[in-house]
Amino acid sequence: MAGGHSDYTRGTMEVAAQTGTFSGFMGGTKYGGSAIALIVLMPTLVFGVGMGWLPALVATVIFGFILGAALKLKGGWFVGTVGAAVLTALFCFILSLLV
């Protein structure tokens, strides 16, 4: 059954597509995991530790920058972190005015 002639030569298969897929998966995992860490950190500091929303936001942004530098994330990570912080600050400010 498996003892016949084969044209396959070990080590000659093209793996560029698999390499690209794996690189994309690892990049998505790295950025996604980092984003989830920041999303969980701020509410934990606000509700679990009792920190005010502004100091918690500043601590979360600082942690995001440290995390981005440690994982060697691209510049878009830092721009996104600052953008998310600005939107969060506006949202929290509006909510604090309503309450």
N, C-alpha and C. Protein backbone atom coordinates (compact mmCIF):
# COMPACT_ATOMS: atom_id res chain seq x y z
N MET A 1 0.81 -1.18 0.00
CA MET A 1 0.00 0.00 0.00
C MET A 1 0.87 1.26 0.00
N ALA A 2 1.66 1.44 1.01
CA ALA A 2 2.45 2.65 1.09
C ALA A 2 3.87 2.44 0.60
N GLY A 3 4.18 1.28 0.09
CA GLY A 3 5.55 0.99 -0.31
C GLY A 3 5.86 1.35 -1.74
N GLY A 4 4.95 2.00 -2.48
CA GLY A 4 5.17 2.31 -3.87
C GLY A 4 6.07 3.51 -4.07
N HIS A 5 6.32 3.83 -5.33
CA HIS A 5 7.18 4.95 -5.70
C HIS A 5 6.46 6.28 -5.47
N SER A 6 7.18 7.29 -4.99
CA SER A 6 6.61 8.60 -4.73
C SER A 6 7.55 9.66 -5.27
N ASP A 7 6.99 10.75 -5.80
CA ASP A 7 7.80 11.86 -6.31
C ASP A 7 8.16 12.87 -5.21
N TYR A 8 7.69 12.62 -4.01
CA TYR A 8 7.93 13.55 -2.91
C TYR A 8 9.38 13.48 -2.45
N THR A 9 9.99 14.65 -2.29
CA THR A 9 11.34 14.74 -1.73
C THR A 9 11.25 15.56 -0.46
N ARG A 10 11.73 15.01 0.62
CA ARG A 10 11.62 15.65 1.93
C ARG A 10 12.31 17.02 1.91
N GLY A 11 11.59 18.04 2.43
CA GLY A 11 12.15 19.38 2.57
C GLY A 11 11.97 20.26 1.35
N THR A 12 11.20 19.86 0.37
CA THR A 12 11.04 20.67 -0.84
C THR A 12 9.68 21.35 -0.93
N MET A 13 8.82 21.19 0.04
CA MET A 13 7.49 21.80 -0.01
C MET A 13 7.57 23.29 0.28
N GLU A 14 6.82 24.10 -0.47
CA GLU A 14 6.78 25.55 -0.26
C GLU A 14 5.92 25.84 0.98
N VAL A 15 6.47 26.58 1.94
CA VAL A 15 5.77 26.83 3.20
C VAL A 15 5.53 28.32 3.44
N ALA A 16 5.61 29.15 2.40
CA ALA A 16 5.43 30.60 2.59
C ALA A 16 4.02 30.91 3.11
N ALA A 17 3.01 30.23 2.61
CA ALA A 17 1.64 30.50 3.06
C ALA A 17 1.46 30.12 4.53
N GLN A 18 2.00 28.99 4.93
CA GLN A 18 1.89 28.57 6.33
C GLN A 18 2.65 29.51 7.25
N THR A 19 3.81 29.98 6.79
CA THR A 19 4.60 30.91 7.60
C THR A 19 3.85 32.22 7.79
N GLY A 20 3.23 32.73 6.72
CA GLY A 20 2.45 33.97 6.82
C GLY A 20 1.25 33.81 7.73
N THR A 21 0.58 32.67 7.64
CA THR A 21 -0.58 32.43 8.50
C THR A 21 -0.16 32.37 9.96
N PHE A 22 0.93 31.67 10.25
CA PHE A 22 1.39 31.57 11.63
C PHE A 22 1.83 32.93 12.16
N SER A 23 2.51 33.72 11.34
CA SER A 23 2.94 35.05 11.78
C SER A 23 1.73 35.93 12.07
N GLY A 24 0.71 35.86 11.22
CA GLY A 24 -0.51 36.63 11.46
C GLY A 24 -1.22 36.20 12.72
N PHE A 25 -1.29 34.90 12.95
CA PHE A 25 -1.94 34.40 14.17
C PHE A 25 -1.19 34.86 15.41
N MET A 26 0.13 34.77 15.38
CA MET A 26 0.91 35.18 16.55
C MET A 26 0.81 36.69 16.79
N GLY A 27 0.78 37.48 15.71
CA GLY A 27 0.61 38.92 15.86
C GLY A 27 -0.75 39.27 16.43
N GLY A 28 -1.78 38.61 15.92
CA GLY A 28 -3.13 38.84 16.45
C GLY A 28 -3.25 38.45 17.91
N THR A 29 -2.58 37.37 18.27
CA THR A 29 -2.60 36.93 19.66
C THR A 29 -1.88 37.93 20.56
N LYS A 30 -0.75 38.44 20.07
CA LYS A 30 0.03 39.40 20.87
C LYS A 30 -0.74 40.70 21.07
N TYR A 31 -1.28 41.27 19.99
CA TYR A 31 -2.02 42.52 20.10
C TYR A 31 -3.35 42.32 20.83
N GLY A 32 -4.04 41.23 20.53
CA GLY A 32 -5.32 40.97 21.18
C GLY A 32 -5.18 40.73 22.68
N GLY A 33 -4.19 39.95 23.06
CA GLY A 33 -3.96 39.70 24.48
C GLY A 33 -3.57 40.97 25.23
N SER A 34 -2.77 41.80 24.59
CA SER A 34 -2.38 43.06 25.22
C SER A 34 -3.58 43.99 25.38
N ALA A 35 -4.43 44.04 24.37
CA ALA A 35 -5.63 44.89 24.45
C ALA A 35 -6.56 44.40 25.55
N ILE A 36 -6.74 43.10 25.65
CA ILE A 36 -7.59 42.54 26.71
C ILE A 36 -7.02 42.87 28.08
N ALA A 37 -5.69 42.81 28.22
CA ALA A 37 -5.07 43.15 29.50
C ALA A 37 -5.38 44.59 29.90
N LEU A 38 -5.34 45.51 28.94
CA LEU A 38 -5.64 46.90 29.25
C LEU A 38 -7.13 47.11 29.54
N ILE A 39 -7.98 46.40 28.79
CA ILE A 39 -9.42 46.52 29.00
C ILE A 39 -9.81 46.03 30.39
N VAL A 40 -9.14 45.01 30.88
CA VAL A 40 -9.44 44.46 32.21
C VAL A 40 -8.79 45.29 33.31
N LEU A 41 -7.64 45.90 33.03
CA LEU A 41 -6.88 46.61 34.06
C LEU A 41 -7.63 47.83 34.60
N MET A 42 -8.15 48.66 33.72
CA MET A 42 -8.77 49.89 34.21
C MET A 42 -9.98 49.66 35.11
N PRO A 43 -10.96 48.82 34.71
CA PRO A 43 -12.07 48.58 35.65
C PRO A 43 -11.63 47.91 36.95
N THR A 44 -10.58 47.10 36.87
CA THR A 44 -10.06 46.49 38.09
C THR A 44 -9.52 47.55 39.03
N LEU A 45 -8.79 48.53 38.47
CA LEU A 45 -8.26 49.60 39.32
C LEU A 45 -9.37 50.49 39.86
N VAL A 46 -10.40 50.73 39.06
CA VAL A 46 -11.48 51.62 39.50
C VAL A 46 -12.36 50.93 40.54
N PHE A 47 -12.84 49.73 40.21
CA PHE A 47 -13.82 49.07 41.08
C PHE A 47 -13.20 48.16 42.13
N GLY A 48 -12.08 47.52 41.80
CA GLY A 48 -11.47 46.59 42.75
C GLY A 48 -10.56 47.27 43.75
N VAL A 49 -9.81 48.24 43.28
CA VAL A 49 -8.84 48.93 44.15
C VAL A 49 -9.44 50.19 44.74
N GLY A 50 -10.44 50.75 44.08
CA GLY A 50 -11.06 51.97 44.58
C GLY A 50 -10.35 53.23 44.12
N MET A 51 -9.57 53.12 43.07
CA MET A 51 -8.85 54.27 42.54
C MET A 51 -9.83 55.11 41.72
N GLY A 52 -9.61 56.39 41.64
CA GLY A 52 -10.44 57.25 40.81
C GLY A 52 -10.23 56.92 39.34
N TRP A 53 -11.18 57.35 38.48
CA TRP A 53 -11.09 56.95 37.08
C TRP A 53 -9.92 57.60 36.36
N LEU A 54 -9.57 58.83 36.70
CA LEU A 54 -8.46 59.50 36.03
C LEU A 54 -7.10 58.89 36.40
N PRO A 55 -6.79 58.66 37.69
CA PRO A 55 -5.52 57.98 37.99
C PRO A 55 -5.47 56.56 37.42
N ALA A 56 -6.61 55.87 37.40
CA ALA A 56 -6.65 54.53 36.81
C ALA A 56 -6.37 54.58 35.32
N LEU A 57 -6.90 55.60 34.64
CA LEU A 57 -6.66 55.75 33.21
C LEU A 57 -5.19 56.05 32.93
N VAL A 58 -4.59 56.92 33.73
CA VAL A 58 -3.17 57.23 33.56
C VAL A 58 -2.32 55.99 33.81
N ALA A 59 -2.63 55.24 34.85
CA ALA A 59 -1.88 54.01 35.14
C ALA A 59 -2.04 52.98 34.02
N THR A 60 -3.23 52.90 33.45
CA THR A 60 -3.48 51.96 32.36
C THR A 60 -2.70 52.36 31.11
N VAL A 61 -2.63 53.65 30.80
CA VAL A 61 -1.88 54.11 29.63
C VAL A 61 -0.39 53.86 29.84
N ILE A 62 0.11 54.13 31.03
CA ILE A 62 1.53 53.87 31.31
C ILE A 62 1.83 52.39 31.18
N PHE A 63 0.94 51.55 31.71
CA PHE A 63 1.12 50.10 31.58
C PHE A 63 1.05 49.68 30.11
N GLY A 64 0.17 50.31 29.33
CA GLY A 64 0.07 50.00 27.91
C GLY A 64 1.34 50.35 27.17
N PHE A 65 1.97 51.47 27.51
CA PHE A 65 3.24 51.85 26.88
C PHE A 65 4.35 50.88 27.27
N ILE A 66 4.40 50.50 28.54
CA ILE A 66 5.41 49.54 28.99
C ILE A 66 5.20 48.20 28.31
N LEU A 67 3.96 47.77 28.23
CA LEU A 67 3.63 46.51 27.57
C LEU A 67 4.00 46.55 26.09
N GLY A 68 3.71 47.66 25.43
CA GLY A 68 4.05 47.82 24.02
C GLY A 68 5.54 47.79 23.79
N ALA A 69 6.30 48.42 24.67
CA ALA A 69 7.76 48.41 24.53
C ALA A 69 8.33 47.03 24.83
N ALA A 70 7.78 46.36 25.83
CA ALA A 70 8.30 45.03 26.20
C ALA A 70 8.01 43.99 25.11
N LEU A 71 6.86 44.09 24.45
CA LEU A 71 6.50 43.14 23.40
C LEU A 71 6.92 43.61 22.01
N LYS A 72 7.57 44.78 21.94
CA LYS A 72 8.04 45.36 20.68
C LYS A 72 6.90 45.52 19.67
N LEU A 73 5.80 46.12 20.16
CA LEU A 73 4.65 46.35 19.30
C LEU A 73 4.92 47.58 18.42
N LYS A 74 4.24 47.66 17.30
CA LYS A 74 4.46 48.74 16.34
C LYS A 74 3.86 50.05 16.82
N GLY A 75 4.14 51.13 16.12
CA GLY A 75 3.70 52.46 16.51
C GLY A 75 2.20 52.62 16.60
N GLY A 76 1.48 51.84 15.80
CA GLY A 76 0.02 51.90 15.85
C GLY A 76 -0.54 51.53 17.21
N TRP A 77 0.19 50.68 17.94
CA TRP A 77 -0.25 50.31 19.29
C TRP A 77 -0.28 51.53 20.20
N PHE A 78 0.77 52.36 20.13
CA PHE A 78 0.87 53.52 21.00
C PHE A 78 -0.15 54.59 20.61
N VAL A 79 -0.36 54.76 19.30
CA VAL A 79 -1.39 55.70 18.84
C VAL A 79 -2.77 55.23 19.28
N GLY A 80 -3.02 53.93 19.13
CA GLY A 80 -4.31 53.38 19.55
C GLY A 80 -4.53 53.48 21.04
N THR A 81 -3.47 53.30 21.82
CA THR A 81 -3.58 53.41 23.27
C THR A 81 -3.94 54.84 23.68
N VAL A 82 -3.29 55.81 23.08
CA VAL A 82 -3.59 57.21 23.39
C VAL A 82 -5.01 57.57 22.92
N GLY A 83 -5.39 57.11 21.72
CA GLY A 83 -6.73 57.38 21.21
C GLY A 83 -7.81 56.78 22.09
N ALA A 84 -7.60 55.55 22.52
CA ALA A 84 -8.57 54.90 23.42
C ALA A 84 -8.63 55.63 24.76
N ALA A 85 -7.48 56.12 25.22
CA ALA A 85 -7.46 56.85 26.49
C ALA A 85 -8.23 58.16 26.38
N VAL A 86 -8.10 58.85 25.25
CA VAL A 86 -8.83 60.11 25.06
C VAL A 86 -10.33 59.84 25.02
N LEU A 87 -10.75 58.81 24.27
CA LEU A 87 -12.17 58.48 24.21
C LEU A 87 -12.70 58.06 25.58
N THR A 88 -11.91 57.29 26.31
CA THR A 88 -12.33 56.87 27.65
C THR A 88 -12.44 58.06 28.59
N ALA A 89 -11.49 59.01 28.50
CA ALA A 89 -11.53 60.20 29.35
C ALA A 89 -12.78 61.04 29.05
N LEU A 90 -13.10 61.19 27.77
CA LEU A 90 -14.30 61.95 27.41
C LEU A 90 -15.56 61.26 27.93
N PHE A 91 -15.62 59.94 27.74
CA PHE A 91 -16.78 59.18 28.20
C PHE A 91 -16.92 59.26 29.72
N CYS A 92 -15.82 59.09 30.45
CA CYS A 92 -15.88 59.15 31.92
C CYS A 92 -16.22 60.56 32.40
N PHE A 93 -15.72 61.58 31.72
CA PHE A 93 -16.04 62.96 32.09
C PHE A 93 -17.52 63.23 31.91
N ILE A 94 -18.06 62.80 30.79
CA ILE A 94 -19.51 62.99 30.54
C ILE A 94 -20.34 62.25 31.56
N LEU A 95 -19.95 61.01 31.88
CA LEU A 95 -20.69 60.25 32.89
C LEU A 95 -20.60 60.90 34.27
N SER A 96 -19.44 61.45 34.61
CA SER A 96 -19.31 62.09 35.92
C SER A 96 -20.14 63.36 36.00
N LEU A 97 -20.37 64.02 34.86
CA LEU A 97 -21.24 65.20 34.87
C LEU A 97 -22.70 64.81 35.06
N LEU A 98 -23.07 63.67 34.52
CA LEU A 98 -24.46 63.20 34.65
C LEU A 98 -24.80 62.71 36.05
N VAL A 99 -23.82 62.23 36.75
CA VAL A 99 -24.08 61.65 38.07
C VAL A 99 -23.97 62.68 39.11
